[in-house]
């Protein structure tokens, strides 16, 4: 399945007691497909993957594949700090029906660029799924440089990158690697419109959990090269871009989802949204309803 357009990095709904919320998960999946989302990521960092048991991971993926499988790509977050464990998790995702593995650079261990090349080649060759690279140095402490991506992009089982470093020089360097077999996807909602107008294939978004139709419209406009309309629509979404970064992801987006009736909080060490931001969350939750209605016209 092609990796392009708007892909949601799904949050994981929990019940008030901290258990998985299967009904909330189904509601979130249906919200995505009804909003025109073109792919999803299950159990990535937005999905609080580090807090999930193996059984929970399996359950989330199996349900997503059952609801969405065959219609849109279902990417599974499989990146861990060690290569052997990442391969094992990728095989687990494959067994549960995922179409791709989203593999973040190994957190905390800070491998060299040569180490990253060896890591990703091993996962691509032994994990059993097409691999999408994921670079988010602000989270991992490891920056995968464009020249390293260039080494990996020719591998037949490495099919794209989610790049969260959003400066224009980085985007331009990666665009030179784009091909029919290697997709360039943004990982920053706030700069995605600019990057898509420059030619990247799409966005893996946090805000689209709450606003799938609105973010689909943004991606459609930008990928069509409609600069004025893209700028106008992106301005409508800027308050949501900003709010989703007001505290550590996924705290803000889960506050908005809770106000939409999906889920009841997070797992430690993450805490719910600070009280000082509740009024903004209330307003944006109401605005989201109106913006989704407008997006569907």
C-alpha atoms as a PDB file:
ATOM      1  CA  UNK A   1       0.000   0.000   0.000  1.00  0.00           C
ATOM      2  CA  UNK A   2       1.232   3.476  -0.856  1.00  0.00           C
ATOM      3  CA  UNK A   3       2.422   5.668   2.000  1.00  0.00           C
ATOM      4  CA  UNK A   4       1.168   9.168   1.273  1.00  0.00           C
ATOM      5  CA  UNK A   5      -1.266  11.825   2.394  1.00  0.00           C
ATOM      6  CA  UNK A   6      -2.463  11.963   5.977  1.00  0.00           C
ATOM      7  CA  UNK A   7      -1.478   9.173   8.366  1.00  0.00           C
ATOM      8  CA  UNK A   8      -2.533   9.370  12.011  1.00  0.00           C
ATOM      9  CA  UNK A   9      -0.142   8.449  14.816  1.00  0.00           C
ATOM     10  CA  UNK A  10      -2.891   6.999  16.975  1.00  0.00           C
ATOM     11  CA  UNK A  11      -3.233   7.642  20.681  1.00  0.00           C
ATOM     12  CA  UNK A  12      -4.201   4.655  22.844  1.00  0.00           C
ATOM     13  CA  UNK A  13      -7.441   5.150  24.795  1.00  0.00           C
ATOM     14  CA  UNK A  14      -7.443   3.935  28.395  1.00  0.00           C
ATOM     15  CA  UNK A  15     -10.285   3.500  30.860  1.00  0.00           C
ATOM     16  CA  UNK A  16     -10.443   5.444  34.107  1.00  0.00           C
ATOM     17  CA  UNK A  17      -8.715   2.540  35.894  1.00  0.00           C
ATOM     18  CA  UNK A  18      -5.825   2.582  33.424  1.00  0.00           C
ATOM     19  CA  UNK A  19      -6.835  -0.526  31.456  1.00  0.00           C
ATOM     20  CA  UNK A  20      -7.148  -0.468  27.684  1.00  0.00           C
ATOM     21  CA  UNK A  21     -10.471   0.908  26.477  1.00  0.00           C
ATOM     22  CA  UNK A  22     -11.560  -1.405  23.622  1.00  0.00           C
ATOM     23  CA  UNK A  23     -14.709   0.590  22.908  1.00  0.00           C
ATOM     24  CA  UNK A  24     -12.730   3.824  22.779  1.00  0.00           C
ATOM     25  CA  UNK A  25     -10.210   2.211  20.449  1.00  0.00           C
ATOM     26  CA  UNK A  26     -12.943   1.112  18.069  1.00  0.00           C
ATOM     27  CA  UNK A  27     -14.478   4.571  18.160  1.00  0.00           C
ATOM     28  CA  UNK A  28     -11.125   6.180  17.395  1.00  0.00           C
ATOM     29  CA  UNK A  29     -10.483   3.810  14.480  1.00  0.00           C
ATOM     30  CA  UNK A  30     -13.915   4.490  13.015  1.00  0.00           C
ATOM     31  CA  UNK A  31     -13.411   8.232  13.450  1.00  0.00           C
ATOM     32  CA  UNK A  32     -10.222   7.967  11.410  1.00  0.00           C
ATOM     33  CA  UNK A  33     -11.675   6.037   8.509  1.00  0.00           C
ATOM     34  CA  UNK A  34     -14.801   8.216   8.436  1.00  0.00           C
ATOM     35  CA  UNK A  35     -12.579  11.298   8.333  1.00  0.00           C
ATOM     36  CA  UNK A  36     -10.687  10.076   5.283  1.00  0.00           C
ATOM     37  CA  UNK A  37      -7.412   9.147   6.944  1.00  0.00           C
ATOM     38  CA  UNK A  38      -5.020   7.396   4.540  1.00  0.00           C
ATOM     39  CA  UNK A  39      -3.018   5.352   7.057  1.00  0.00           C
ATOM     40  CA  UNK A  40      -2.519   4.849  10.782  1.00  0.00           C
ATOM     41  CA  UNK A  41       0.331   4.140  13.170  1.00  0.00           C
ATOM     42  CA  UNK A  42      -0.492   1.809  16.055  1.00  0.00           C
ATOM     43  CA  UNK A  43       1.636   1.768  19.218  1.00  0.00           C
ATOM     44  CA  UNK A  44       4.045   4.516  18.310  1.00  0.00           C
ATOM     45  CA  UNK A  45       5.216   7.104  20.820  1.00  0.00           C
ATOM     46  CA  UNK A  46       1.846   8.887  20.595  1.00  0.00           C
ATOM     47  CA  UNK A  47       0.275   5.520  21.441  1.00  0.00           C
ATOM     48  CA  UNK A  48       2.349   5.258  24.661  1.00  0.00           C
ATOM     49  CA  UNK A  49       3.962   2.078  23.343  1.00  0.00           C
ATOM     50  CA  UNK A  50       6.488   1.982  26.174  1.00  0.00           C
ATOM     51  CA  UNK A  51       3.653   1.385  28.661  1.00  0.00           C
ATOM     52  CA  UNK A  52       1.920  -1.438  26.746  1.00  0.00           C
ATOM     53  CA  UNK A  53       2.193  -5.120  27.583  1.00  0.00           C
ATOM     54  CA  UNK A  54       2.740  -7.617  24.781  1.00  0.00           C
ATOM     55  CA  UNK A  55      -0.889  -8.714  25.037  1.00  0.00           C
ATOM     56  CA  UNK A  56      -2.095  -5.111  24.802  1.00  0.00           C
ATOM     57  CA  UNK A  57       0.153  -4.464  21.810  1.00  0.00           C
ATOM     58  CA  UNK A  58      -1.250  -7.543  20.082  1.00  0.00           C
ATOM     59  CA  UNK A  59      -4.832  -6.590  20.865  1.00  0.00           C
ATOM     60  CA  UNK A  60      -4.491  -3.047  19.537  1.00  0.00           C
ATOM     61  CA  UNK A  61      -2.892  -4.205  16.300  1.00  0.00           C
ATOM     62  CA  UNK A  62      -5.290  -7.074  15.681  1.00  0.00           C
ATOM     63  CA  UNK A  63      -8.284  -4.787  16.130  1.00  0.00           C
ATOM     64  CA  UNK A  64      -6.836  -2.089  13.889  1.00  0.00           C
ATOM     65  CA  UNK A  65      -6.123  -4.638  11.169  1.00  0.00           C
ATOM     66  CA  UNK A  66      -9.624  -6.092  11.507  1.00  0.00           C
ATOM     67  CA  UNK A  67     -11.264  -2.649  11.176  1.00  0.00           C
ATOM     68  CA  UNK A  68      -8.906  -1.023   8.676  1.00  0.00           C
ATOM     69  CA  UNK A  69      -6.952  -3.818   7.032  1.00  0.00           C
ATOM     70  CA  UNK A  70      -7.077  -3.894   3.254  1.00  0.00           C
ATOM     71  CA  UNK A  71      -8.348  -0.309   3.149  1.00  0.00           C
ATOM     72  CA  UNK A  72      -5.382   1.730   4.360  1.00  0.00           C
ATOM     73  CA  UNK A  73      -1.859   0.946   5.600  1.00  0.00           C
ATOM     74  CA  UNK A  74      -1.568  -0.078   9.255  1.00  0.00           C
ATOM     75  CA  UNK A  75       1.915   0.767  10.492  1.00  0.00           C
ATOM     76  CA  UNK A  76       3.136  -0.639  13.794  1.00  0.00           C
ATOM     77  CA  UNK A  77       5.645   1.090  16.025  1.00  0.00           C
ATOM     78  CA  UNK A  78       8.420  -1.460  16.578  1.00  0.00           C
ATOM     79  CA  UNK A  79      11.566   0.549  17.313  1.00  0.00           C
ATOM     80  CA  UNK A  80      13.395  -0.283  20.554  1.00  0.00           C
ATOM     81  CA  UNK A  81      16.862   0.463  21.897  1.00  0.00           C
ATOM     82  CA  UNK A  82      18.388  -2.856  20.829  1.00  0.00           C
ATOM     83  CA  UNK A  83      18.472  -4.376  17.353  1.00  0.00           C
ATOM     84  CA  UNK A  84      17.526  -7.919  18.380  1.00  0.00           C
ATOM     85  CA  UNK A  85      14.519  -6.677  20.351  1.00  0.00           C
ATOM     86  CA  UNK A  86      13.476  -4.439  17.465  1.00  0.00           C
ATOM     87  CA  UNK A  87      13.574  -7.415  15.092  1.00  0.00           C
ATOM     88  CA  UNK A  88      11.505  -9.445  17.548  1.00  0.00           C
ATOM     89  CA  UNK A  89       8.930  -6.664  17.892  1.00  0.00           C
ATOM     90  CA  UNK A  90       8.765  -6.247  14.117  1.00  0.00           C
ATOM     91  CA  UNK A  91       8.085  -9.948  13.693  1.00  0.00           C
ATOM     92  CA  UNK A  92       5.373  -9.637  16.335  1.00  0.00           C
ATOM     93  CA  UNK A  93       3.776  -6.812  14.378  1.00  0.00           C
ATOM     94  CA  UNK A  94       3.932  -8.847  11.183  1.00  0.00           C
ATOM     95  CA  UNK A  95       2.228 -11.783  12.892  1.00  0.00           C
ATOM     96  CA  UNK A  96      -0.578  -9.446  13.955  1.00  0.00           C
ATOM     97  CA  UNK A  97      -1.183  -8.227  10.401  1.00  0.00           C
ATOM     98  CA  UNK A  98       0.613  -4.863  10.238  1.00  0.00           C
ATOM     99  CA  UNK A  99       1.522  -3.704   6.737  1.00  0.00           C
ATOM    100  CA  UNK A 100       4.668  -1.756   7.728  1.00  0.00           C
ATOM    101  CA  UNK A 101       6.990  -1.228  10.692  1.00  0.00           C
ATOM    102  CA  UNK A 102       7.683   2.322  11.828  1.00  0.00           C
ATOM    103  CA  UNK A 103      11.131   2.017  13.384  1.00  0.00           C
ATOM    104  CA  UNK A 104      12.421   4.928  15.419  1.00  0.00           C
ATOM    105  CA  UNK A 105      16.163   5.444  15.832  1.00  0.00           C
ATOM    106  CA  UNK A 106      17.257   3.501  18.946  1.00  0.00           C
ATOM    107  CA  UNK A 107      16.398   5.685  21.948  1.00  0.00           C
ATOM    108  CA  UNK A 108      18.996   6.638  24.537  1.00  0.00           C
ATOM    109  CA  UNK A 109      21.902   4.489  23.272  1.00  0.00           C
ATOM    110  CA  UNK A 110      23.021   7.067  20.664  1.00  0.00           C
ATOM    111  CA  UNK A 111      24.542   4.811  17.976  1.00  0.00           C
ATOM    112  CA  UNK A 112      26.912   6.160  15.341  1.00  0.00           C
ATOM    113  CA  UNK A 113      25.668   6.712  11.810  1.00  0.00           C
ATOM    114  CA  UNK A 114      27.366   3.442  10.797  1.00  0.00           C
ATOM    115  CA  UNK A 115      25.572   1.748  13.675  1.00  0.00           C
ATOM    116  CA  UNK A 116      22.252   3.076  12.417  1.00  0.00           C
ATOM    117  CA  UNK A 117      22.911   1.680   8.960  1.00  0.00           C
ATOM    118  CA  UNK A 118      23.715  -1.760  10.399  1.00  0.00           C
ATOM    119  CA  UNK A 119      20.669  -1.613  12.699  1.00  0.00           C
ATOM    120  CA  UNK A 120      18.155  -0.736  10.017  1.00  0.00           C
ATOM    121  CA  UNK A 121      19.543  -3.189   7.506  1.00  0.00           C
ATOM    122  CA  UNK A 122      19.216  -5.984  10.066  1.00  0.00           C
ATOM    123  CA  UNK A 123      15.622  -5.050  10.869  1.00  0.00           C
ATOM    124  CA  UNK A 124      14.730  -4.753   7.186  1.00  0.00           C
ATOM    125  CA  UNK A 125      16.245  -8.148   6.398  1.00  0.00           C
ATOM    126  CA  UNK A 126      15.030 -10.085   9.430  1.00  0.00           C
ATOM    127  CA  UNK A 127      11.854  -8.371  10.705  1.00  0.00           C
ATOM    128  CA  UNK A 128       9.416  -9.539   8.047  1.00  0.00           C
ATOM    129  CA  UNK A 129       7.863  -6.133   7.257  1.00  0.00           C
ATOM    130  CA  UNK A 130       8.656  -3.156   5.029  1.00  0.00           C
ATOM    131  CA  UNK A 131      10.459  -0.617   7.204  1.00  0.00           C
ATOM    132  CA  UNK A 132       9.727   3.092   7.541  1.00  0.00           C
ATOM    133  CA  UNK A 133      12.611   4.931   9.182  1.00  0.00           C
ATOM    134  CA  UNK A 134      11.702   7.395  11.936  1.00  0.00           C
ATOM    135  CA  UNK A 135      13.973  10.248  12.971  1.00  0.00           C
ATOM    136  CA  UNK A 136      12.975  12.337  15.992  1.00  0.00           C
ATOM    137  CA  UNK A 137      16.188  13.400  17.746  1.00  0.00           C
ATOM    138  CA  UNK A 138      14.387  15.573  20.281  1.00  0.00           C
ATOM    139  CA  UNK A 139      12.920  12.368  21.722  1.00  0.00           C
ATOM    140  CA  UNK A 140      15.675   9.833  21.133  1.00  0.00           C
ATOM    141  CA  UNK A 141      18.929  11.763  21.446  1.00  0.00           C
ATOM    142  CA  UNK A 142      19.973  10.383  18.050  1.00  0.00           C
ATOM    143  CA  UNK A 143      19.836  12.256  14.734  1.00  0.00           C
ATOM    144  CA  UNK A 144      19.880  10.148  11.562  1.00  0.00           C
ATOM    145  CA  UNK A 145      21.565  12.348   8.987  1.00  0.00           C
ATOM    146  CA  UNK A 146      20.452  12.607   5.344  1.00  0.00           C
ATOM    147  CA  UNK A 147      23.585  10.873   4.109  1.00  0.00           C
ATOM    148  CA  UNK A 148      22.721   7.910   6.333  1.00  0.00           C
ATOM    149  CA  UNK A 149      19.185   7.890   4.967  1.00  0.00           C
ATOM    150  CA  UNK A 150      20.690   7.887   1.468  1.00  0.00           C
ATOM    151  CA  UNK A 151      22.611   4.710   2.321  1.00  0.00           C
ATOM    152  CA  UNK A 152      19.426   3.037   3.531  1.00  0.00           C
ATOM    153  CA  UNK A 153      16.978   4.278   0.896  1.00  0.00           C
ATOM    154  CA  UNK A 154      18.292   1.864  -1.722  1.00  0.00           C
ATOM    155  CA  UNK A 155      17.465  -1.175   0.425  1.00  0.00           C
ATOM    156  CA  UNK A 156      14.454  -2.931  -1.158  1.00  0.00           C
ATOM    157  CA  UNK A 157      12.692  -3.386   2.180  1.00  0.00           C
ATOM    158  CA  UNK A 158      13.204   0.168   3.469  1.00  0.00           C
ATOM    159  CA  UNK A 159      10.343   2.119   1.961  1.00  0.00           C
ATOM    160  CA  UNK A 160      10.262   5.560   3.554  1.00  0.00           C
ATOM    161  CA  UNK A 161      11.092   7.902   6.396  1.00  0.00           C
ATOM    162  CA  UNK A 162       9.131   9.896   8.929  1.00  0.00           C
ATOM    163  CA  UNK A 163      11.307  12.947   9.543  1.00  0.00           C
ATOM    164  CA  UNK A 164      10.549  15.174  12.523  1.00  0.00           C
ATOM    165  CA  UNK A 165      13.425  17.598  11.887  1.00  0.00           C
ATOM    166  CA  UNK A 166      11.511  20.165   9.911  1.00  0.00           C
ATOM    167  CA  UNK A 167      14.038  22.797   8.811  1.00  0.00           C
ATOM    168  CA  UNK A 168      14.012  23.470   5.093  1.00  0.00           C
ATOM    169  CA  UNK A 169      17.582  22.270   4.509  1.00  0.00           C
ATOM    170  CA  UNK A 170      16.747  18.871   5.973  1.00  0.00           C
ATOM    171  CA  UNK A 171      13.571  18.632   3.904  1.00  0.00           C
ATOM    172  CA  UNK A 172      15.448  19.530   0.718  1.00  0.00           C
ATOM    173  CA  UNK A 173      18.149  16.937   1.408  1.00  0.00           C
ATOM    174  CA  UNK A 174      15.577  14.209   1.893  1.00  0.00           C
ATOM    175  CA  UNK A 175      13.526  15.231  -1.124  1.00  0.00           C
ATOM    176  CA  UNK A 176      16.531  14.355  -3.269  1.00  0.00           C
ATOM    177  CA  UNK A 177      16.064  10.744  -2.095  1.00  0.00           C
ATOM    178  CA  UNK A 178      12.345  10.538  -2.821  1.00  0.00           C
ATOM    179  CA  UNK A 179      11.287   7.920  -5.364  1.00  0.00           C
ATOM    180  CA  UNK A 180       8.382   5.646  -6.219  1.00  0.00           C
ATOM    181  CA  UNK A 181       9.832   3.136  -3.735  1.00  0.00           C
ATOM    182  CA  UNK A 182      10.912   5.541  -0.970  1.00  0.00           C
ATOM    183  CA  UNK A 183       8.428   7.983   0.580  1.00  0.00           C
ATOM    184  CA  UNK A 184       9.265  11.134   2.526  1.00  0.00           C
ATOM    185  CA  UNK A 185       6.766  11.810   5.314  1.00  0.00           C
ATOM    186  CA  UNK A 186       6.706  14.723   7.723  1.00  0.00           C
ATOM    187  CA  UNK A 187       6.464  14.240  11.458  1.00  0.00           C
ATOM    188  CA  UNK A 188       5.685  17.803  12.543  1.00  0.00           C
ATOM    189  CA  UNK A 189       2.132  19.091  12.151  1.00  0.00           C
ATOM    190  CA  UNK A 190       3.125  22.748  12.391  1.00  0.00           C
ATOM    191  CA  UNK A 191       5.442  22.719   9.362  1.00  0.00           C
ATOM    192  CA  UNK A 192       3.808  19.967   7.319  1.00  0.00           C
ATOM    193  CA  UNK A 193       1.991  22.284   4.927  1.00  0.00           C
ATOM    194  CA  UNK A 194       5.232  23.994   3.908  1.00  0.00           C
ATOM    195  CA  UNK A 195       6.989  20.647   3.507  1.00  0.00           C
ATOM    196  CA  UNK A 196       4.201  19.136   1.408  1.00  0.00           C
ATOM    197  CA  UNK A 197       4.145  22.188  -0.834  1.00  0.00           C
ATOM    198  CA  UNK A 198       7.858  21.518  -1.337  1.00  0.00           C
ATOM    199  CA  UNK A 199       7.107  17.981  -2.451  1.00  0.00           C
ATOM    200  CA  UNK A 200       7.115  15.521   0.449  1.00  0.00           C
ATOM    201  CA  UNK A 201       4.573  12.727   0.243  1.00  0.00           C
ATOM    202  CA  UNK A 202       2.506  13.348   3.363  1.00  0.00           C
ATOM    203  CA  UNK A 203       2.278  13.747   7.120  1.00  0.00           C
ATOM    204  CA  UNK A 204       2.204  11.376  10.081  1.00  0.00           C
ATOM    205  CA  UNK A 205       0.120  13.550  12.369  1.00  0.00           C
ATOM    206  CA  UNK A 206      -0.829  13.816  16.024  1.00  0.00           C
ATOM    207  CA  UNK A 207      -3.593  16.390  15.592  1.00  0.00           C
ATOM    208  CA  UNK A 208      -5.481  14.189  13.144  1.00  0.00           C
ATOM    209  CA  UNK A 209      -6.521  11.968  16.052  1.00  0.00           C
ATOM    210  CA  UNK A 210      -9.033  14.702  16.826  1.00  0.00           C
ATOM    211  CA  UNK A 211      -9.378  16.335  13.396  1.00  0.00           C
ATOM    212  CA  UNK A 212      -8.991  13.625  10.747  1.00  0.00           C
ATOM    213  CA  UNK A 213     -11.099  15.360   8.088  1.00  0.00           C
ATOM    214  CA  UNK A 214      -9.457  18.740   8.662  1.00  0.00           C
ATOM    215  CA  UNK A 215      -5.944  17.344   8.375  1.00  0.00           C
ATOM    216  CA  UNK A 216      -6.960  15.302   5.325  1.00  0.00           C
ATOM    217  CA  UNK A 217      -8.092  18.547   3.705  1.00  0.00           C
ATOM    218  CA  UNK A 218      -4.790  20.233   4.575  1.00  0.00           C
ATOM    219  CA  UNK A 219      -2.816  17.417   2.994  1.00  0.00           C
ATOM    220  CA  UNK A 220      -5.006  17.306  -0.104  1.00  0.00           C
ATOM    221  CA  UNK A 221      -4.602  21.046  -0.691  1.00  0.00           C
ATOM    222  CA  UNK A 222      -0.861  21.049  -0.082  1.00  0.00           C
ATOM    223  CA  UNK A 223      -0.145  17.992  -2.205  1.00  0.00           C
ATOM    224  CA  UNK A 224      -2.183  19.562  -5.026  1.00  0.00           C
ATOM    225  CA  UNK A 225       0.064  22.644  -4.855  1.00  0.00           C
ATOM    226  CA  UNK A 226      -2.755  25.040  -3.949  1.00  0.00           C
ATOM    227  CA  UNK A 227      -0.584  27.445  -1.989  1.00  0.00           C
ATOM    228  CA  UNK A 228      -3.127  30.117  -1.083  1.00  0.00           C
ATOM    229  CA  UNK A 229      -5.814  27.641  -0.015  1.00  0.00           C
ATOM    230  CA  UNK A 230      -3.219  25.604   1.887  1.00  0.00           C
ATOM    231  CA  UNK A 231      -2.036  28.659   3.786  1.00  0.00           C
ATOM    232  CA  UNK A 232      -5.577  29.649   4.681  1.00  0.00           C
ATOM    233  CA  UNK A 233      -6.496  26.178   5.901  1.00  0.00           C
ATOM    234  CA  UNK A 234      -3.234  25.741   7.781  1.00  0.00           C
ATOM    235  CA  UNK A 235      -3.970  28.992   9.631  1.00  0.00           C
ATOM    236  CA  UNK A 236      -7.225  27.446  10.876  1.00  0.00           C
ATOM    237  CA  UNK A 237      -5.249  24.501  12.228  1.00  0.00           C
ATOM    238  CA  UNK A 238      -2.420  26.483  13.819  1.00  0.00           C
ATOM    239  CA  UNK A 239      -4.101  26.635  17.260  1.00  0.00           C
ATOM    240  CA  UNK A 240      -4.274  22.834  17.237  1.00  0.00           C
ATOM    241  CA  UNK A 241      -0.664  22.500  16.035  1.00  0.00           C
ATOM    242  CA  UNK A 242       0.421  24.720  18.922  1.00  0.00           C
ATOM    243  CA  UNK A 243      -1.781  23.098  21.546  1.00  0.00           C
ATOM    244  CA  UNK A 244      -0.547  19.586  20.748  1.00  0.00           C
ATOM    245  CA  UNK A 245       2.941  20.747  21.746  1.00  0.00           C
ATOM    246  CA  UNK A 246       1.995  22.673  24.853  1.00  0.00           C
ATOM    247  CA  UNK A 247       3.031  19.714  27.023  1.00  0.00           C
ATOM    248  CA  UNK A 248       4.723  16.435  26.134  1.00  0.00           C
ATOM    249  CA  UNK A 249       2.946  14.428  23.453  1.00  0.00           C
ATOM    250  CA  UNK A 250       0.422  12.774  23.822  1.00  0.00           C
ATOM    251  CA  UNK A 251      -0.799  14.681  26.882  1.00  0.00           C
ATOM    252  CA  UNK A 252      -2.540  17.520  24.986  1.00  0.00           C
ATOM    253  CA  UNK A 253      -4.122  15.425  22.230  1.00  0.00           C
ATOM    254  CA  UNK A 254      -5.450  12.952  24.787  1.00  0.00           C
ATOM    255  CA  UNK A 255      -7.064  15.848  26.645  1.00  0.00           C
ATOM    256  CA  UNK A 256      -8.896  16.738  23.434  1.00  0.00           C
ATOM    257  CA  UNK A 257      -9.871  13.120  22.795  1.00  0.00           C
ATOM    258  CA  UNK A 258     -11.215  12.801  26.330  1.00  0.00           C
ATOM    259  CA  UNK A 259     -13.425  15.833  25.716  1.00  0.00           C
ATOM    260  CA  UNK A 260     -14.664  14.050  22.595  1.00  0.00           C
ATOM    261  CA  UNK A 261     -15.597  11.014  24.688  1.00  0.00           C
ATOM    262  CA  UNK A 262     -12.615   8.847  23.741  1.00  0.00           C
ATOM    263  CA  UNK A 263     -10.434   7.606  26.605  1.00  0.00           C
ATOM    264  CA  UNK A 264      -9.770   8.745  30.162  1.00  0.00           C
ATOM    265  CA  UNK A 265      -6.131   9.691  30.511  1.00  0.00           C
ATOM    266  CA  UNK A 266      -2.565   8.406  30.336  1.00  0.00           C
ATOM    267  CA  UNK A 267      -0.203   6.001  32.041  1.00  0.00           C
ATOM    268  CA  UNK A 268       2.620   7.009  34.348  1.00  0.00           C
ATOM    269  CA  UNK A 269       5.051   8.632  34.108  1.00  0.00           C
ATOM    270  CA  UNK A 270       2.783  10.854  31.999  1.00  0.00           C
ATOM    271  CA  UNK A 271       0.164  12.857  33.878  1.00  0.00           C
ATOM    272  CA  UNK A 272      -3.022  14.474  32.523  1.00  0.00           C
ATOM    273  CA  UNK A 273      -2.984  17.977  31.108  1.00  0.00           C
ATOM    274  CA  UNK A 274      -2.126  20.674  33.657  1.00  0.00           C
ATOM    275  CA  UNK A 275      -5.094  22.587  35.029  1.00  0.00           C
ATOM    276  CA  UNK A 276      -3.824  25.855  33.556  1.00  0.00           C
ATOM    277  CA  UNK A 277      -4.485  24.535  30.056  1.00  0.00           C
ATOM    278  CA  UNK A 278      -7.986  23.158  30.660  1.00  0.00           C
ATOM    279  CA  UNK A 279      -9.815  26.238  29.396  1.00  0.00           C
ATOM    280  CA  UNK A 280      -7.866  26.156  26.132  1.00  0.00           C
ATOM    281  CA  UNK A 281      -8.618  22.444  25.769  1.00  0.00           C
ATOM    282  CA  UNK A 282     -12.328  23.076  26.307  1.00  0.00           C
ATOM    283  CA  UNK A 283     -12.382  25.770  23.631  1.00  0.00           C
ATOM    284  CA  UNK A 284     -10.375  23.770  21.114  1.00  0.00           C
ATOM    285  CA  UNK A 285     -12.505  20.683  21.645  1.00  0.00           C
ATOM    286  CA  UNK A 286     -15.568  22.728  20.721  1.00  0.00           C
ATOM    287  CA  UNK A 287     -13.756  24.316  17.776  1.00  0.00           C
ATOM    288  CA  UNK A 288     -12.719  20.873  16.537  1.00  0.00           C
ATOM    289  CA  UNK A 289     -16.334  19.765  16.181  1.00  0.00           C
ATOM    290  CA  UNK A 290     -17.147  22.787  14.010  1.00  0.00           C
ATOM    291  CA  UNK A 291     -13.976  22.433  11.937  1.00  0.00           C
ATOM    292  CA  UNK A 292     -14.634  18.754  11.247  1.00  0.00           C
ATOM    293  CA  UNK A 293     -18.147  19.604  10.065  1.00  0.00           C
ATOM    294  CA  UNK A 294     -16.741  22.302   7.782  1.00  0.00           C
ATOM    295  CA  UNK A 295     -14.087  19.911   6.440  1.00  0.00           C
ATOM    296  CA  UNK A 296     -16.688  17.368   5.438  1.00  0.00           C
ATOM    297  CA  UNK A 297     -18.666  19.759   3.202  1.00  0.00           C
END
